[in-house]
Amino acid sequence: MMPGMAARIIEPETGRELALTETGIVCFKGANVFAGYLNDPEKTAAAFRDGWFVTGDLGRFDPDGFLVIEGRRSRFSKMGGEMVPHVAIEQKIMEGFGWEPGEIPTVFVTGVPDPVKGEALVLLTTQDITLEDLRARLTAAGVPNFWVPRLIKRVDRIPMLGSGKTDLKGCRELALAAAG
């Protein structure tokens, strides 16, 4: 944090202010926070709440006062009232199968709407694996049962943008189509 900045943590769904040590959406206020998007009042209005810049990052402050960013909200699912981190699940899958990370990802977890739990997890992967094997390996690694993807969609490659980043929208569209 820079001098003159203020931070707060809010609950993703309701916007209710949380304790700084609880995980939620990180918000900033201060003279060094940008005033908005150039010539885009709608995007600017969506990025601010009561004068606070809503970053879209999930984070918290540790006991020493350091900001810990835990990921982007778009890379979490809300399931049964709990925020489930997609990146952590991807890491556990990679570790469980002994796969090394590369320039092009081999796994991608995303959420799709589920009428009972709010969201269901879908795994997109370039590897040939079964749901039973995935469940066994994640359970052996101590991953909670509701973190295990419900569906696996085998793809030739994980969608990527021209910038080299994962195409989140493209991945979500594949997952939605797979969930039918």
N, C-alpha and C. Protein backbone atom coordinates (compact mmCIF):
# COMPACT_ATOMS: atom_id res chain seq x y z
N MET A 1 0.84 -1.18 0.00
CA MET A 1 0.00 0.00 0.00
C MET A 1 0.89 1.24 0.00
N MET A 2 0.46 2.20 -0.77
CA MET A 2 1.17 3.48 -0.84
C MET A 2 0.56 4.45 0.17
N PRO A 3 1.36 5.42 0.64
CA PRO A 3 0.80 6.44 1.53
C PRO A 3 -0.39 7.14 0.87
N GLY A 4 -1.42 7.39 1.65
CA GLY A 4 -2.60 8.07 1.14
C GLY A 4 -3.64 7.14 0.55
N MET A 5 -3.33 5.82 0.47
CA MET A 5 -4.31 4.86 -0.04
C MET A 5 -5.11 4.26 1.10
N ALA A 6 -6.32 3.92 0.81
CA ALA A 6 -7.16 3.18 1.75
C ALA A 6 -7.63 1.92 1.03
N ALA A 7 -7.81 0.87 1.78
CA ALA A 7 -8.27 -0.40 1.20
C ALA A 7 -9.40 -0.94 2.06
N ARG A 8 -10.23 -1.71 1.40
CA ARG A 8 -11.24 -2.46 2.12
C ARG A 8 -11.50 -3.74 1.35
N ILE A 9 -12.10 -4.70 2.03
CA ILE A 9 -12.43 -5.99 1.45
C ILE A 9 -13.95 -6.13 1.53
N ILE A 10 -14.57 -6.49 0.40
CA ILE A 10 -16.03 -6.64 0.40
C ILE A 10 -16.41 -8.05 -0.04
N GLU A 11 -17.57 -8.47 0.41
CA GLU A 11 -18.12 -9.77 0.03
C GLU A 11 -18.52 -9.70 -1.43
N PRO A 12 -18.10 -10.67 -2.26
CA PRO A 12 -18.35 -10.59 -3.70
C PRO A 12 -19.81 -10.47 -4.12
N GLU A 13 -20.70 -11.15 -3.45
CA GLU A 13 -22.10 -11.16 -3.88
C GLU A 13 -22.88 -9.95 -3.39
N THR A 14 -22.67 -9.58 -2.13
CA THR A 14 -23.52 -8.55 -1.53
C THR A 14 -22.86 -7.18 -1.46
N GLY A 15 -21.52 -7.13 -1.51
CA GLY A 15 -20.81 -5.87 -1.36
C GLY A 15 -20.64 -5.46 0.09
N ARG A 16 -21.07 -6.33 1.01
CA ARG A 16 -20.93 -6.05 2.45
C ARG A 16 -19.45 -6.01 2.81
N GLU A 17 -19.07 -5.03 3.62
CA GLU A 17 -17.67 -4.91 4.03
C GLU A 17 -17.30 -6.05 4.98
N LEU A 18 -16.12 -6.64 4.72
CA LEU A 18 -15.61 -7.73 5.53
C LEU A 18 -14.42 -7.24 6.36
N ALA A 19 -13.99 -8.05 7.30
CA ALA A 19 -12.76 -7.75 8.02
C ALA A 19 -11.61 -7.80 7.02
N LEU A 20 -10.58 -7.00 7.22
CA LEU A 20 -9.47 -6.95 6.28
C LEU A 20 -8.75 -8.30 6.15
N THR A 21 -8.87 -9.16 7.16
CA THR A 21 -8.21 -10.47 7.11
C THR A 21 -9.07 -11.54 6.46
N GLU A 22 -10.31 -11.21 6.09
CA GLU A 22 -11.18 -12.16 5.39
C GLU A 22 -10.98 -12.02 3.88
N THR A 23 -11.14 -13.11 3.16
CA THR A 23 -10.98 -13.07 1.71
C THR A 23 -12.25 -12.52 1.06
N GLY A 24 -12.05 -11.56 0.18
CA GLY A 24 -13.14 -10.95 -0.57
C GLY A 24 -12.57 -10.10 -1.69
N ILE A 25 -13.40 -9.28 -2.29
CA ILE A 25 -12.97 -8.39 -3.37
C ILE A 25 -12.21 -7.22 -2.76
N VAL A 26 -11.02 -6.95 -3.31
CA VAL A 26 -10.18 -5.85 -2.83
C VAL A 26 -10.65 -4.55 -3.49
N CYS A 27 -10.82 -3.51 -2.68
CA CYS A 27 -11.22 -2.19 -3.16
C CYS A 27 -10.21 -1.16 -2.67
N PHE A 28 -9.96 -0.15 -3.49
CA PHE A 28 -9.01 0.91 -3.14
C PHE A 28 -9.65 2.27 -3.30
N LYS A 29 -9.13 3.23 -2.52
CA LYS A 29 -9.52 4.62 -2.62
C LYS A 29 -8.27 5.44 -2.32
N GLY A 30 -8.09 6.55 -3.03
CA GLY A 30 -6.95 7.42 -2.76
C GLY A 30 -6.60 8.25 -3.98
N ALA A 31 -5.72 9.22 -3.77
CA ALA A 31 -5.35 10.13 -4.85
C ALA A 31 -4.64 9.42 -6.00
N ASN A 32 -3.99 8.29 -5.72
CA ASN A 32 -3.26 7.59 -6.77
C ASN A 32 -4.09 6.52 -7.48
N VAL A 33 -5.36 6.39 -7.14
CA VAL A 33 -6.25 5.45 -7.83
C VAL A 33 -6.81 6.17 -9.05
N PHE A 34 -6.77 5.50 -10.18
CA PHE A 34 -7.22 6.16 -11.41
C PHE A 34 -8.67 6.61 -11.32
N ALA A 35 -8.98 7.65 -12.06
CA ALA A 35 -10.31 8.27 -11.97
C ALA A 35 -11.36 7.57 -12.82
N GLY A 36 -10.93 6.72 -13.74
CA GLY A 36 -11.88 6.02 -14.59
C GLY A 36 -11.32 5.75 -15.96
N TYR A 37 -12.12 5.10 -16.78
CA TYR A 37 -11.73 4.74 -18.14
C TYR A 37 -11.98 5.91 -19.09
N LEU A 38 -11.02 6.19 -19.94
CA LEU A 38 -11.10 7.30 -20.88
C LEU A 38 -12.30 7.13 -21.82
N ASN A 39 -13.17 8.11 -21.84
CA ASN A 39 -14.33 8.15 -22.74
C ASN A 39 -15.25 6.93 -22.61
N ASP A 40 -15.30 6.33 -21.41
CA ASP A 40 -16.15 5.17 -21.21
C ASP A 40 -16.84 5.26 -19.84
N PRO A 41 -17.86 6.13 -19.74
CA PRO A 41 -18.52 6.34 -18.45
C PRO A 41 -19.22 5.08 -17.91
N GLU A 42 -19.71 4.21 -18.79
CA GLU A 42 -20.37 2.99 -18.32
C GLU A 42 -19.38 2.06 -17.64
N LYS A 43 -18.23 1.86 -18.28
CA LYS A 43 -17.20 1.00 -17.69
C LYS A 43 -16.67 1.61 -16.39
N THR A 44 -16.53 2.93 -16.37
CA THR A 44 -16.08 3.62 -15.16
C THR A 44 -17.08 3.40 -14.04
N ALA A 45 -18.37 3.59 -14.32
CA ALA A 45 -19.41 3.41 -13.30
C ALA A 45 -19.41 1.99 -12.75
N ALA A 46 -19.16 1.00 -13.62
CA ALA A 46 -19.14 -0.39 -13.18
C ALA A 46 -17.92 -0.71 -12.32
N ALA A 47 -16.84 0.06 -12.46
CA ALA A 47 -15.60 -0.21 -11.73
C ALA A 47 -15.56 0.43 -10.35
N PHE A 48 -16.50 1.31 -10.06
CA PHE A 48 -16.49 2.02 -8.78
C PHE A 48 -17.78 1.78 -8.02
N ARG A 49 -17.65 1.69 -6.68
CA ARG A 49 -18.82 1.55 -5.81
C ARG A 49 -18.63 2.52 -4.64
N ASP A 50 -19.48 3.51 -4.55
CA ASP A 50 -19.41 4.52 -3.48
C ASP A 50 -18.03 5.17 -3.39
N GLY A 51 -17.43 5.44 -4.54
CA GLY A 51 -16.13 6.08 -4.58
C GLY A 51 -14.94 5.16 -4.43
N TRP A 52 -15.18 3.87 -4.23
CA TRP A 52 -14.11 2.87 -4.11
C TRP A 52 -13.92 2.17 -5.44
N PHE A 53 -12.66 1.99 -5.86
CA PHE A 53 -12.34 1.23 -7.07
C PHE A 53 -12.41 -0.25 -6.71
N VAL A 54 -13.30 -0.98 -7.37
CA VAL A 54 -13.50 -2.41 -7.14
C VAL A 54 -12.62 -3.16 -8.13
N THR A 55 -11.54 -3.78 -7.62
CA THR A 55 -10.50 -4.33 -8.49
C THR A 55 -10.89 -5.60 -9.23
N GLY A 56 -11.78 -6.41 -8.66
CA GLY A 56 -12.07 -7.72 -9.23
C GLY A 56 -11.10 -8.78 -8.73
N ASP A 57 -10.10 -8.35 -7.93
CA ASP A 57 -9.16 -9.30 -7.33
C ASP A 57 -9.72 -9.80 -6.01
N LEU A 58 -9.56 -11.08 -5.75
CA LEU A 58 -9.90 -11.63 -4.45
C LEU A 58 -8.64 -11.61 -3.61
N GLY A 59 -8.75 -11.07 -2.42
CA GLY A 59 -7.57 -11.00 -1.57
C GLY A 59 -7.95 -10.72 -0.14
N ARG A 60 -6.91 -10.58 0.69
CA ARG A 60 -7.06 -10.31 2.12
C ARG A 60 -5.75 -9.72 2.60
N PHE A 61 -5.74 -9.20 3.81
CA PHE A 61 -4.52 -8.73 4.43
C PHE A 61 -4.06 -9.77 5.45
N ASP A 62 -2.76 -10.09 5.42
CA ASP A 62 -2.24 -11.06 6.38
C ASP A 62 -2.04 -10.37 7.74
N PRO A 63 -1.69 -11.11 8.79
CA PRO A 63 -1.54 -10.50 10.12
C PRO A 63 -0.49 -9.39 10.19
N ASP A 64 0.46 -9.37 9.26
CA ASP A 64 1.49 -8.33 9.24
C ASP A 64 1.07 -7.11 8.42
N GLY A 65 -0.14 -7.15 7.85
CA GLY A 65 -0.64 -6.01 7.08
C GLY A 65 -0.30 -6.04 5.61
N PHE A 66 0.25 -7.14 5.11
CA PHE A 66 0.56 -7.26 3.69
C PHE A 66 -0.66 -7.75 2.92
N LEU A 67 -0.89 -7.17 1.76
CA LEU A 67 -2.00 -7.56 0.90
C LEU A 67 -1.65 -8.87 0.19
N VAL A 68 -2.51 -9.86 0.32
CA VAL A 68 -2.34 -11.16 -0.32
C VAL A 68 -3.42 -11.28 -1.39
N ILE A 69 -3.00 -11.29 -2.67
CA ILE A 69 -3.95 -11.47 -3.76
C ILE A 69 -4.09 -12.97 -4.00
N GLU A 70 -5.32 -13.46 -3.94
CA GLU A 70 -5.55 -14.90 -4.09
C GLU A 70 -6.06 -15.27 -5.47
N GLY A 71 -6.35 -14.30 -6.30
CA GLY A 71 -6.78 -14.59 -7.66
C GLY A 71 -7.82 -13.59 -8.13
N ARG A 72 -8.26 -13.78 -9.37
CA ARG A 72 -9.31 -12.95 -9.94
C ARG A 72 -10.66 -13.58 -9.62
N ARG A 73 -11.66 -12.74 -9.41
CA ARG A 73 -12.99 -13.25 -9.11
C ARG A 73 -13.49 -14.17 -10.23
N SER A 74 -13.11 -13.83 -11.45
CA SER A 74 -13.55 -14.63 -12.60
C SER A 74 -12.97 -16.04 -12.57
N ARG A 75 -11.97 -16.29 -11.74
CA ARG A 75 -11.36 -17.61 -11.65
C ARG A 75 -11.77 -18.33 -10.36
N PHE A 76 -12.92 -17.97 -9.82
CA PHE A 76 -13.50 -18.64 -8.66
C PHE A 76 -14.94 -19.00 -8.99
N SER A 77 -15.44 -20.03 -8.33
CA SER A 77 -16.86 -20.38 -8.40
C SER A 77 -17.45 -20.26 -7.01
N LYS A 78 -18.69 -19.85 -6.96
CA LYS A 78 -19.40 -19.80 -5.68
C LYS A 78 -20.25 -21.06 -5.61
N MET A 79 -19.87 -21.96 -4.68
CA MET A 79 -20.55 -23.24 -4.56
C MET A 79 -20.95 -23.47 -3.10
N GLY A 80 -22.23 -23.63 -2.88
CA GLY A 80 -22.70 -23.87 -1.53
C GLY A 80 -22.27 -22.80 -0.55
N GLY A 81 -22.19 -21.55 -1.02
CA GLY A 81 -21.81 -20.44 -0.16
C GLY A 81 -20.31 -20.25 0.01
N GLU A 82 -19.50 -21.06 -0.64
CA GLU A 82 -18.04 -20.97 -0.50
C GLU A 82 -17.41 -20.61 -1.84
N MET A 83 -16.36 -19.79 -1.79
CA MET A 83 -15.60 -19.43 -2.99
C MET A 83 -14.58 -20.53 -3.27
N VAL A 84 -14.67 -21.14 -4.46
CA VAL A 84 -13.80 -22.25 -4.84
C VAL A 84 -12.80 -21.75 -5.89
N PRO A 85 -11.49 -21.81 -5.60
CA PRO A 85 -10.47 -21.27 -6.51
C PRO A 85 -10.11 -22.22 -7.64
N HIS A 86 -10.38 -21.81 -8.87
CA HIS A 86 -10.08 -22.65 -10.03
C HIS A 86 -8.59 -22.94 -10.15
N VAL A 87 -7.75 -21.93 -9.93
CA VAL A 87 -6.30 -22.10 -10.10
C VAL A 87 -5.76 -23.15 -9.13
N ALA A 88 -6.25 -23.14 -7.90
CA ALA A 88 -5.79 -24.13 -6.92
C ALA A 88 -6.17 -25.55 -7.36
N ILE A 89 -7.36 -25.70 -7.92
CA ILE A 89 -7.78 -27.02 -8.41
C ILE A 89 -6.90 -27.44 -9.58
N GLU A 90 -6.62 -26.52 -10.49
CA GLU A 90 -5.75 -26.83 -11.62
C GLU A 90 -4.37 -27.29 -11.15
N GLN A 91 -3.84 -26.62 -10.13
CA GLN A 91 -2.53 -26.99 -9.59
C GLN A 91 -2.57 -28.39 -8.99
N LYS A 92 -3.64 -28.70 -8.25
CA LYS A 92 -3.78 -30.03 -7.65
C LYS A 92 -3.90 -31.12 -8.72
N ILE A 93 -4.59 -30.81 -9.81
CA ILE A 93 -4.71 -31.77 -10.91
C ILE A 93 -3.33 -32.01 -11.53
N MET A 94 -2.61 -30.94 -11.80
CA MET A 94 -1.26 -31.07 -12.40
C MET A 94 -0.36 -31.90 -11.49
N GLU A 95 -0.38 -31.61 -10.19
CA GLU A 95 0.44 -32.35 -9.23
C GLU A 95 0.00 -33.81 -9.15
N GLY A 96 -1.32 -34.04 -9.09
CA GLY A 96 -1.85 -35.38 -8.95
C GLY A 96 -1.49 -36.31 -10.10
N PHE A 97 -1.41 -35.75 -11.30
CA PHE A 97 -1.06 -36.55 -12.47
C PHE A 97 0.42 -36.46 -12.81
N GLY A 98 1.16 -35.63 -12.08
CA GLY A 98 2.60 -35.50 -12.33
C GLY A 98 2.92 -34.75 -13.62
N TRP A 99 2.03 -33.85 -14.03
CA TRP A 99 2.26 -33.08 -15.25
C TRP A 99 3.02 -31.81 -14.92
N GLU A 100 3.94 -31.45 -15.78
CA GLU A 100 4.71 -30.22 -15.62
C GLU A 100 3.99 -29.09 -16.33
N PRO A 101 3.97 -27.90 -15.73
CA PRO A 101 3.37 -26.76 -16.43
C PRO A 101 4.20 -26.39 -17.65
N GLY A 102 3.52 -25.94 -18.69
CA GLY A 102 4.20 -25.52 -19.91
C GLY A 102 3.67 -24.18 -20.37
N GLU A 103 4.17 -23.74 -21.51
CA GLU A 103 3.70 -22.47 -22.06
C GLU A 103 2.22 -22.53 -22.41
N ILE A 104 1.79 -23.67 -22.92
CA ILE A 104 0.39 -23.87 -23.27
C ILE A 104 -0.24 -24.75 -22.20
N PRO A 105 -1.30 -24.28 -21.55
CA PRO A 105 -1.89 -25.07 -20.46
C PRO A 105 -2.50 -26.37 -20.96
N THR A 106 -2.48 -27.38 -20.06
CA THR A 106 -3.10 -28.67 -20.37
C THR A 106 -4.41 -28.86 -19.62
N VAL A 107 -4.65 -28.01 -18.63
CA VAL A 107 -5.90 -28.08 -17.87
C VAL A 107 -6.45 -26.68 -17.64
N PHE A 108 -7.75 -26.59 -17.56
CA PHE A 108 -8.42 -25.33 -17.25
C PHE A 108 -9.74 -25.69 -16.57
N VAL A 109 -9.96 -25.11 -15.39
CA VAL A 109 -11.20 -25.35 -14.64
C VAL A 109 -12.05 -24.09 -14.70
N THR A 110 -13.33 -24.27 -14.94
CA THR A 110 -14.27 -23.16 -14.93
C THR A 110 -15.60 -23.64 -14.36
N GLY A 111 -16.46 -22.69 -14.05
CA GLY A 111 -17.76 -23.03 -13.50
C GLY A 111 -18.88 -22.79 -14.50
N VAL A 112 -19.91 -23.61 -14.40
CA VAL A 112 -21.12 -23.43 -15.20
C VAL A 112 -22.30 -23.40 -14.23
N PRO A 113 -23.41 -22.76 -14.61
CA PRO A 113 -24.55 -22.69 -13.69
C PRO A 113 -25.06 -24.06 -13.27
N ASP A 114 -25.41 -24.17 -12.00
CA ASP A 114 -25.99 -25.39 -11.44
C ASP A 114 -27.15 -24.96 -10.56
N PRO A 115 -28.36 -25.52 -10.81
CA PRO A 115 -29.53 -25.05 -10.06
C PRO A 115 -29.49 -25.38 -8.57
N VAL A 116 -28.71 -26.38 -8.16
CA VAL A 116 -28.67 -26.78 -6.76
C VAL A 116 -27.54 -26.08 -6.00
N LYS A 117 -26.31 -26.11 -6.55
CA LYS A 117 -25.15 -25.59 -5.82
C LYS A 117 -24.71 -24.21 -6.29
N GLY A 118 -25.40 -23.65 -7.26
CA GLY A 118 -25.00 -22.34 -7.80
C GLY A 118 -24.11 -22.49 -9.01
N GLU A 119 -23.04 -23.27 -8.87
CA GLU A 119 -22.15 -23.55 -9.98
C GLU A 119 -21.65 -24.98 -9.88
N ALA A 120 -21.30 -25.54 -11.03
CA ALA A 120 -20.67 -26.85 -11.11
C ALA A 120 -19.35 -26.67 -11.85
N LEU A 121 -18.34 -27.41 -11.44
CA LEU A 121 -17.03 -27.28 -12.07
C LEU A 121 -16.88 -28.19 -13.28
N VAL A 122 -16.26 -27.63 -14.32
CA VAL A 122 -15.97 -28.38 -15.54
C VAL A 122 -14.47 -28.28 -15.78
N LEU A 123 -13.85 -29.42 -16.09
CA LEU A 123 -12.43 -29.45 -16.42
C LEU A 123 -12.27 -29.58 -17.92
N LEU A 124 -11.59 -28.60 -18.52
CA LEU A 124 -11.16 -28.72 -19.91
C LEU A 124 -9.72 -29.22 -19.87
N THR A 125 -9.40 -30.24 -20.65
CA THR A 125 -8.03 -30.77 -20.63
C THR A 125 -7.64 -31.34 -21.98
N THR A 126 -6.36 -31.28 -22.25
CA THR A 126 -5.81 -31.86 -23.48
C THR A 126 -5.39 -33.31 -23.25
N GLN A 127 -5.56 -33.79 -22.02
CA GLN A 127 -5.13 -35.14 -21.64
C GLN A 127 -6.31 -36.10 -21.62
N ASP A 128 -6.02 -37.37 -21.83
CA ASP A 128 -7.05 -38.40 -21.73
C ASP A 128 -7.11 -38.91 -20.29
N ILE A 129 -8.11 -38.45 -19.55
CA ILE A 129 -8.30 -38.91 -18.18
C ILE A 129 -9.78 -39.17 -17.95
N THR A 130 -10.06 -39.99 -16.95
CA THR A 130 -11.45 -40.29 -16.62
C THR A 130 -11.84 -39.54 -15.35
N LEU A 131 -13.12 -39.36 -15.17
CA LEU A 131 -13.62 -38.70 -13.98
C LEU A 131 -13.27 -39.52 -12.73
N GLU A 132 -13.31 -40.84 -12.85
CA GLU A 132 -13.00 -41.71 -11.71
C GLU A 132 -11.54 -41.53 -11.29
N ASP A 133 -10.62 -41.50 -12.26
CA ASP A 133 -9.20 -41.32 -11.95
C ASP A 133 -8.96 -39.93 -11.37
N LEU A 134 -9.60 -38.92 -11.95
CA LEU A 134 -9.46 -37.55 -11.45
C LEU A 134 -9.93 -37.48 -10.00
N ARG A 135 -11.09 -38.04 -9.72
CA ARG A 135 -11.65 -38.01 -8.36
C ARG A 135 -10.71 -38.73 -7.39
N ALA A 136 -10.19 -39.88 -7.77
CA ALA A 136 -9.30 -40.64 -6.89
C ALA A 136 -8.03 -39.86 -6.57
N ARG A 137 -7.44 -39.24 -7.58
CA ARG A 137 -6.19 -38.50 -7.36
C ARG A 137 -6.42 -37.24 -6.52
N LEU A 138 -7.50 -36.53 -6.78
CA LEU A 138 -7.77 -35.33 -6.00
C LEU A 138 -8.15 -35.68 -4.56
N THR A 139 -8.90 -36.76 -4.38
CA THR A 139 -9.24 -37.19 -3.02
C THR A 139 -7.98 -37.59 -2.26
N ALA A 140 -7.08 -38.31 -2.92
CA ALA A 140 -5.81 -38.71 -2.29
C ALA A 140 -4.97 -37.50 -1.91
N ALA A 141 -5.13 -36.41 -2.65
CA ALA A 141 -4.38 -35.18 -2.37
C ALA A 141 -5.06 -34.32 -1.30
N GLY A 142 -6.21 -34.79 -0.78
CA GLY A 142 -6.90 -34.06 0.28
C GLY A 142 -7.80 -32.95 -0.22
N VAL A 143 -8.13 -32.97 -1.50
CA VAL A 143 -8.99 -31.94 -2.07
C VAL A 143 -10.44 -32.23 -1.65
N PRO A 144 -11.16 -31.20 -1.18
CA PRO A 144 -12.57 -31.43 -0.81
C PRO A 144 -13.38 -31.97 -1.98
N ASN A 145 -14.34 -32.82 -1.69
CA ASN A 145 -15.14 -33.47 -2.72
C ASN A 145 -15.83 -32.47 -3.66
N PHE A 146 -16.33 -31.35 -3.11
CA PHE A 146 -17.04 -30.41 -3.97
C PHE A 146 -16.09 -29.59 -4.85
N TRP A 147 -14.78 -29.72 -4.67
CA TRP A 147 -13.79 -29.09 -5.56
C TRP A 147 -13.49 -29.97 -6.78
N VAL A 148 -13.94 -31.21 -6.77
CA VAL A 148 -13.67 -32.11 -7.89
C VAL A 148 -14.62 -31.76 -9.03
N PRO A 149 -14.07 -31.46 -10.22
CA PRO A 149 -14.95 -31.15 -11.35
C PRO A 149 -15.97 -32.26 -11.60
N ARG A 150 -17.17 -31.86 -11.94
CA ARG A 150 -18.25 -32.81 -12.20
C ARG A 150 -18.17 -33.39 -13.61
N LEU A 151 -17.53 -32.64 -14.51
CA LEU A 151 -17.49 -33.03 -15.92
C LEU A 151 -16.10 -32.75 -16.48
N ILE A 152 -15.63 -33.65 -17.34
CA ILE A 152 -14.36 -33.45 -18.05
C ILE A 152 -14.67 -33.32 -19.53
N LYS A 153 -14.13 -32.30 -20.14
CA LYS A 153 -14.26 -32.08 -21.59
C LYS A 153 -12.87 -32.16 -22.20
N ARG A 154 -12.63 -33.17 -23.01
CA ARG A 154 -11.34 -33.33 -23.70
C ARG A 154 -11.31 -32.37 -24.89
N VAL A 155 -10.25 -31.56 -24.98
CA VAL A 155 -10.08 -30.60 -26.07
C VAL A 155 -8.70 -30.79 -26.70
N ASP A 156 -8.56 -30.40 -27.95
CA ASP A 156 -7.26 -30.48 -28.61
C ASP A 156 -6.28 -29.48 -28.01
N ARG A 157 -6.81 -28.31 -27.65
CA ARG A 157 -5.99 -27.30 -26.99
C ARG A 157 -6.89 -26.36 -26.21
N ILE A 158 -6.34 -25.83 -25.13
CA ILE A 158 -7.06 -24.85 -24.32
C ILE A 158 -7.09 -23.55 -25.12
N PRO A 159 -8.25 -22.91 -25.28
CA PRO A 159 -8.32 -21.66 -26.06
C PRO A 159 -7.41 -20.57 -25.49
N MET A 160 -6.67 -19.94 -26.39
CA MET A 160 -5.74 -18.87 -26.00
C MET A 160 -6.04 -17.62 -26.82
N LEU A 161 -5.73 -16.47 -26.23
CA LEU A 161 -5.84 -15.19 -26.93
C LEU A 161 -4.54 -14.90 -27.68
N GLY A 162 -4.58 -13.96 -28.58
CA GLY A 162 -3.38 -13.57 -29.31
C GLY A 162 -2.29 -13.03 -28.39
N SER A 163 -2.68 -12.56 -27.20
CA SER A 163 -1.72 -12.02 -26.23
C SER A 163 -0.96 -13.13 -25.50
N GLY A 164 -1.38 -14.39 -25.71
CA GLY A 164 -0.75 -15.50 -25.01
C GLY A 164 -1.46 -15.88 -23.72
N LYS A 165 -2.50 -15.15 -23.36
CA LYS A 165 -3.26 -15.46 -22.16
C LYS A 165 -4.39 -16.43 -22.51
N THR A 166 -4.84 -17.15 -21.50
CA THR A 166 -5.96 -18.07 -21.69
C THR A 166 -7.22 -17.29 -22.03
N ASP A 167 -7.96 -17.77 -23.00
CA ASP A 167 -9.21 -17.15 -23.42
C ASP A 167 -10.32 -17.61 -22.47
N LEU A 168 -10.55 -16.83 -21.41
CA LEU A 168 -11.53 -17.21 -20.39
C LEU A 168 -12.93 -17.38 -20.97
N LYS A 169 -13.31 -16.46 -21.86
CA LYS A 169 -14.65 -16.53 -22.47
C LYS A 169 -14.76 -17.78 -23.35
N GLY A 170 -13.74 -18.06 -24.15
CA GLY A 170 -13.75 -19.24 -25.01
C GLY A 170 -13.81 -20.53 -24.20
N CYS A 171 -13.08 -20.57 -23.10
CA CYS A 171 -13.11 -21.75 -22.24
C CYS A 171 -14.49 -21.93 -21.62
N ARG A 172 -15.07 -20.84 -21.17
CA ARG A 172 -16.40 -20.92 -20.56
C ARG A 172 -17.44 -21.41 -21.57
N GLU A 173 -17.34 -20.92 -22.82
CA GLU A 173 -18.27 -21.36 -23.87
C GLU A 173 -18.14 -22.86 -24.12
N LEU A 174 -16.90 -23.39 -24.14
CA LEU A 174 -16.70 -24.83 -24.30
C LEU A 174 -17.30 -25.60 -23.13
N ALA A 175 -17.12 -25.09 -21.92
CA ALA A 175 -17.65 -25.75 -20.74
C ALA A 175 -19.18 -25.75 -20.75
N LEU A 176 -19.77 -24.60 -21.12
CA LEU A 176 -21.23 -24.53 -21.18
C LEU A 176 -21.79 -25.51 -22.21
N ALA A 177 -21.12 -25.61 -23.36
CA ALA A 177 -21.57 -26.54 -24.40
C ALA A 177 -21.45 -27.99 -23.90
N ALA A 178 -20.38 -28.29 -23.18
CA ALA A 178 -20.18 -29.65 -22.67
C ALA A 178 -21.22 -30.00 -21.61
N ALA A 179 -21.60 -29.00 -20.80
CA ALA A 179 -22.58 -29.25 -19.73
C ALA A 179 -24.00 -29.37 -20.29
N GLY A 180 -24.16 -28.85 -21.53
CA GLY A 180 -25.40 -28.98 -22.26
C GLY A 180 -26.58 -28.40 -21.60
